[in-house]
Amino acid sequence: MGENKILVKSKSGMRMVDVDGGKGYFELDEPVWEPDSNYKVCTECHKTFDMLRRKHHCRRCGEVFCGSCCTDKVIPIRLRFIDPVRMCTKCQRLSRWENDFFNNYFKTLKTGVELNVEDQSNDGTMSRVSLSADGGVLNITSDNGPVIPILMEEIASFRVSQEGSDGVHMLSVDTMSNRNINLIKTNEPESVKFLNGLRKALRMCSKPDHQKSGPGNNDPR
């Protein structure tokens, strides 16, 4: 995610993109619109299109819906739009969930906090943990050791090992190289918020198709 950005216009709306064409780890490309001719009925309500029931593309998934099922407008921060765009019910709910991450957690993750870090080699070391500017690397820095970079894409699984009324108290991650790391809250006020945000970030990118990944029906965080 570069510092030099330009405003570009697509058929869906105005987007802020990097001059060099790159994008941050959490950002998505604009979807390709499905051809109108492939759809005789609405994707959601399955009512037949006619002269009164017109076709509309969801700007998030690119599929075709009727006006009643694709009426809400949301700014999809993850797709780098700057204005609200039309979305289907599922995509607007997903985009609002993702926007909460960008608006309330991403800055805390990049700033970093002090956490107690456990792995196979130690029983707990106070370390500074933060995300890189583009969100793609989790950096762990202890007082008596070098920076340990962990690529977000190399995290194979994660789980909440301890949780309190305020959120995550210990988050365990497993890397593809079979390394297990426990990130444990400290007395630092932002440590629980950091762990809540990291869980959200990992949930957002835990599926191969980032376009569709997000919270479960019973996960408000």
Protein backbone atom coordinates (compact mmCIF):
# COMPACT_ATOMS: atom_id res chain seq x y z
CA MET A 1 0.00 0.00 0.00
CA GLY A 2 1.91 2.97 -1.31
CA GLU A 3 1.80 6.57 -0.13
CA ASN A 4 1.09 8.01 -3.60
CA LYS A 5 -2.57 7.60 -4.52
CA ILE A 6 -4.82 8.81 -7.28
CA LEU A 7 -8.58 9.04 -7.66
CA VAL A 8 -9.96 6.90 -10.49
CA LYS A 9 -13.47 6.46 -11.83
CA SER A 10 -14.92 3.05 -12.60
CA LYS A 11 -18.42 2.07 -13.65
CA SER A 12 -19.21 1.47 -9.96
CA GLY A 13 -17.92 4.79 -8.60
CA MET A 14 -14.84 6.72 -7.50
CA ARG A 15 -11.95 4.79 -5.96
CA MET A 16 -8.65 5.83 -4.34
CA VAL A 17 -5.89 3.55 -5.62
CA ASP A 18 -2.10 3.38 -5.47
CA VAL A 19 -0.24 4.99 -8.36
CA ASP A 20 1.94 1.89 -8.73
CA GLY A 21 -1.08 -0.41 -8.89
CA GLY A 22 -0.33 -2.14 -5.58
CA LYS A 23 -2.70 -2.62 -2.69
CA GLY A 24 -2.64 -3.36 1.02
CA TYR A 25 -3.03 -6.88 2.38
CA PHE A 26 -6.65 -6.32 3.39
CA GLU A 27 -7.70 -4.43 0.28
CA LEU A 28 -9.66 -6.01 -2.57
CA ASP A 29 -9.93 -5.36 -6.28
CA GLU A 30 -13.21 -4.19 -7.73
CA PRO A 31 -15.24 -7.25 -8.84
CA VAL A 32 -16.06 -8.02 -12.46
CA TRP A 33 -19.77 -7.56 -13.16
CA GLU A 34 -21.64 -10.68 -14.16
CA PRO A 35 -23.30 -10.38 -17.60
CA ASP A 36 -26.96 -9.33 -17.42
CA SER A 37 -27.82 -12.08 -19.89
CA ASN A 38 -26.86 -14.76 -17.35
CA TYR A 39 -29.68 -13.73 -15.00
CA LYS A 40 -33.39 -14.26 -15.59
CA VAL A 41 -34.28 -13.98 -11.89
CA CYS A 42 -32.94 -12.04 -8.89
CA THR A 43 -30.04 -13.77 -7.10
CA GLU A 44 -31.67 -13.23 -3.70
CA CYS A 45 -35.49 -13.31 -3.98
CA HIS A 46 -35.57 -15.32 -7.24
CA LYS A 47 -38.32 -13.16 -8.72
CA THR A 48 -38.32 -12.90 -12.51
CA PHE A 49 -36.97 -9.74 -14.10
CA ASP A 50 -39.35 -7.78 -16.35
CA MET A 51 -40.02 -4.23 -17.47
CA LEU A 52 -40.85 -3.12 -13.92
CA ARG A 53 -38.41 -5.33 -12.00
CA ARG A 54 -35.08 -4.11 -13.34
CA LYS A 55 -31.60 -5.62 -12.96
CA HIS A 56 -28.99 -4.06 -10.66
CA HIS A 57 -25.39 -5.12 -10.04
CA CYS A 58 -24.03 -5.34 -6.50
CA ARG A 59 -20.78 -3.35 -6.49
CA ARG A 60 -19.24 -5.75 -3.97
CA CYS A 61 -19.86 -9.19 -5.49
CA GLY A 62 -20.80 -8.25 -9.07
CA GLU A 63 -23.93 -10.43 -9.11
CA VAL A 64 -27.36 -9.30 -10.35
CA PHE A 65 -30.32 -8.45 -8.10
CA CYS A 66 -33.65 -6.67 -8.29
CA GLY A 67 -33.99 -3.16 -6.88
CA SER A 68 -35.61 -4.37 -3.64
CA CYS A 69 -32.72 -6.75 -2.89
CA CYS A 70 -29.95 -4.32 -3.89
CA THR A 71 -31.05 -1.00 -2.49
CA ASP A 72 -28.67 -0.23 0.40
CA LYS A 73 -25.61 1.92 -0.22
CA VAL A 74 -22.42 1.55 1.84
CA ILE A 75 -18.85 2.81 1.42
CA PRO A 76 -16.80 -0.40 0.99
CA ILE A 77 -13.49 0.77 2.48
CA ARG A 78 -11.88 -2.54 1.65
CA LEU A 79 -12.50 -1.96 -2.07
CA ARG A 80 -11.17 1.62 -1.73
CA PHE A 81 -14.37 3.40 -2.79
CA ILE A 82 -14.81 6.90 -1.39
CA ASP A 83 -18.61 7.17 -1.75
CA PRO A 84 -21.49 4.82 -0.87
CA VAL A 85 -22.28 2.31 -3.63
CA ARG A 86 -25.18 -0.06 -4.22
CA MET A 87 -24.88 -3.50 -2.60
CA CYS A 88 -26.93 -6.61 -2.02
CA THR A 89 -28.08 -7.44 1.51
CA LYS A 90 -25.26 -9.90 2.22
CA CYS A 91 -22.50 -7.64 0.91
CA GLN A 92 -23.69 -4.50 2.69
CA ARG A 93 -23.75 -6.42 5.99
CA LEU A 94 -20.26 -7.76 5.32
CA SER A 95 -18.92 -4.35 4.30
CA ARG A 96 -20.28 -2.71 7.47
CA TRP A 97 -18.50 -5.40 9.51
CA GLU A 98 -15.25 -4.77 7.64
CA ASN A 99 -15.63 -1.00 7.93
CA ASP A 100 -15.75 -1.40 11.71
CA PHE A 101 -12.31 -3.01 11.49
CA PHE A 102 -10.82 -0.20 9.40
CA ASN A 103 -12.44 2.59 11.42
CA ASN A 104 -11.89 1.24 14.93
CA TYR A 105 -9.06 -1.32 14.97
CA PHE A 106 -6.62 -0.97 12.06
CA LYS A 107 -4.83 2.07 13.50
CA THR A 108 -4.34 0.30 16.86
CA LEU A 109 -2.90 -2.76 15.10
CA LYS A 110 -0.38 -0.66 13.16
CA THR A 111 0.59 1.36 16.26
CA GLY A 112 1.15 -1.84 18.25
CA VAL A 113 0.98 -2.76 21.94
CA GLU A 114 2.97 -4.62 24.57
CA LEU A 115 1.83 -8.26 24.86
CA ASN A 116 3.08 -11.31 26.66
CA VAL A 117 4.22 -13.67 23.90
CA GLU A 118 4.64 -17.43 24.38
CA ASP A 119 5.96 -19.97 21.91
CA GLN A 120 7.82 -23.28 21.88
CA SER A 121 11.07 -21.59 22.90
CA ASN A 122 9.88 -19.54 25.89
CA ASP A 123 7.18 -19.43 28.54
CA GLY A 124 6.45 -15.76 28.07
CA THR A 125 8.30 -12.63 26.99
CA MET A 126 7.04 -9.05 27.02
CA SER A 127 7.16 -7.94 23.39
CA ARG A 128 5.97 -5.15 21.16
CA VAL A 129 3.51 -6.56 18.63
CA SER A 130 2.28 -4.59 15.62
CA LEU A 131 1.11 -4.90 12.03
CA SER A 132 3.10 -3.47 9.15
CA ALA A 133 1.70 -0.41 7.38
CA ASP A 134 0.13 -2.53 4.64
CA GLY A 135 -1.23 -5.05 7.14
CA GLY A 136 0.62 -8.01 5.65
CA VAL A 137 3.20 -8.67 8.38
CA LEU A 138 2.78 -9.23 12.12
CA ASN A 139 5.98 -7.98 13.78
CA ILE A 140 7.00 -9.21 17.24
CA THR A 141 9.86 -7.33 18.93
CA SER A 142 11.25 -8.28 22.35
CA ASP A 143 13.75 -6.25 24.40
CA ASN A 144 16.46 -8.89 24.07
CA GLY A 145 15.92 -10.16 20.55
CA PRO A 146 15.49 -9.21 16.90
CA VAL A 147 12.19 -8.40 15.21
CA ILE A 148 10.31 -11.58 14.35
CA PRO A 149 8.20 -11.01 11.22
CA ILE A 150 5.26 -13.31 10.63
CA LEU A 151 3.49 -13.03 7.28
CA MET A 152 -0.26 -12.86 7.78
CA GLU A 153 -0.74 -15.18 4.80
CA GLU A 154 1.41 -17.81 6.55
CA ILE A 155 -0.90 -18.01 9.57
CA ALA A 156 -2.64 -21.34 9.03
CA SER A 157 -5.13 -21.13 11.90
CA PHE A 158 -6.02 -19.14 14.99
CA ARG A 159 -8.23 -19.53 18.04
CA VAL A 160 -9.29 -17.59 21.10
CA SER A 161 -7.74 -19.44 24.06
CA GLN A 162 -8.96 -17.04 26.76
CA GLU A 163 -11.77 -14.53 26.63
CA GLY A 164 -13.27 -12.05 29.06
CA SER A 165 -16.28 -9.75 29.10
CA ASP A 166 -14.23 -7.11 27.27
CA GLY A 167 -13.06 -9.45 24.51
CA VAL A 168 -10.00 -11.57 23.69
CA HIS A 169 -7.44 -12.13 26.48
CA MET A 170 -5.29 -14.71 24.68
CA LEU A 171 -5.11 -15.37 20.96
CA SER A 172 -3.24 -18.43 19.71
CA VAL A 173 -1.94 -18.57 16.13
CA ASP A 174 -0.40 -21.47 14.23
CA THR A 175 1.85 -20.82 11.25
CA MET A 176 2.36 -23.00 8.20
CA SER A 177 5.85 -23.80 9.53
CA ASN A 178 4.22 -25.45 12.58
CA ARG A 179 5.04 -22.64 14.97
CA ASN A 180 2.51 -21.96 17.72
CA ILE A 181 2.41 -18.48 19.28
CA ASN A 182 0.23 -17.29 22.14
CA LEU A 183 -0.45 -13.56 22.32
CA ILE A 184 -1.62 -12.64 25.83
CA LYS A 185 -3.09 -9.38 27.09
CA THR A 186 -1.17 -7.17 29.50
CA ASN A 187 -2.08 -4.23 31.73
CA GLU A 188 -1.70 -1.89 28.76
CA PRO A 189 -5.21 -0.47 28.13
CA GLU A 190 -5.10 -1.10 24.37
CA SER A 191 -3.93 -4.72 24.60
CA VAL A 192 -7.43 -6.24 24.59
CA LYS A 193 -8.51 -3.94 21.76
CA PHE A 194 -5.42 -5.04 19.81
CA LEU A 195 -6.29 -8.72 20.27
CA ASN A 196 -9.93 -8.10 19.34
CA GLY A 197 -8.76 -6.30 16.19
CA LEU A 198 -6.25 -9.00 15.29
CA ARG A 199 -8.92 -11.67 15.59
CA LYS A 200 -11.11 -9.61 13.28
CA ALA A 201 -8.26 -9.18 10.79
CA LEU A 202 -7.56 -12.91 10.76
CA ARG A 203 -11.25 -13.73 10.34
CA MET A 204 -11.48 -11.27 7.46
CA CYS A 205 -8.68 -13.01 5.54
CA SER A 206 -9.02 -16.59 6.74
CA LYS A 207 -10.79 -17.86 3.61
CA PRO A 208 -9.28 -18.26 0.14
CA ASP A 209 -11.97 -15.98 -1.28
CA HIS A 210 -11.50 -12.72 0.64
CA GLN A 211 -14.41 -11.27 -1.29
CA LYS A 212 -16.82 -13.41 0.73
CA SER A 213 -15.04 -13.87 4.07
CA GLY A 214 -16.32 -12.25 7.22
CA PRO A 215 -18.23 -12.84 10.44
CA GLY A 216 -20.52 -15.72 11.17
CA ASN A 217 -24.17 -15.06 11.98
CA ASN A 218 -23.48 -15.19 15.71
CA ASP A 219 -20.24 -13.20 15.79
CA PRO A 220 -20.89 -9.53 16.50
CA ARG A 221 -17.18 -8.64 16.76
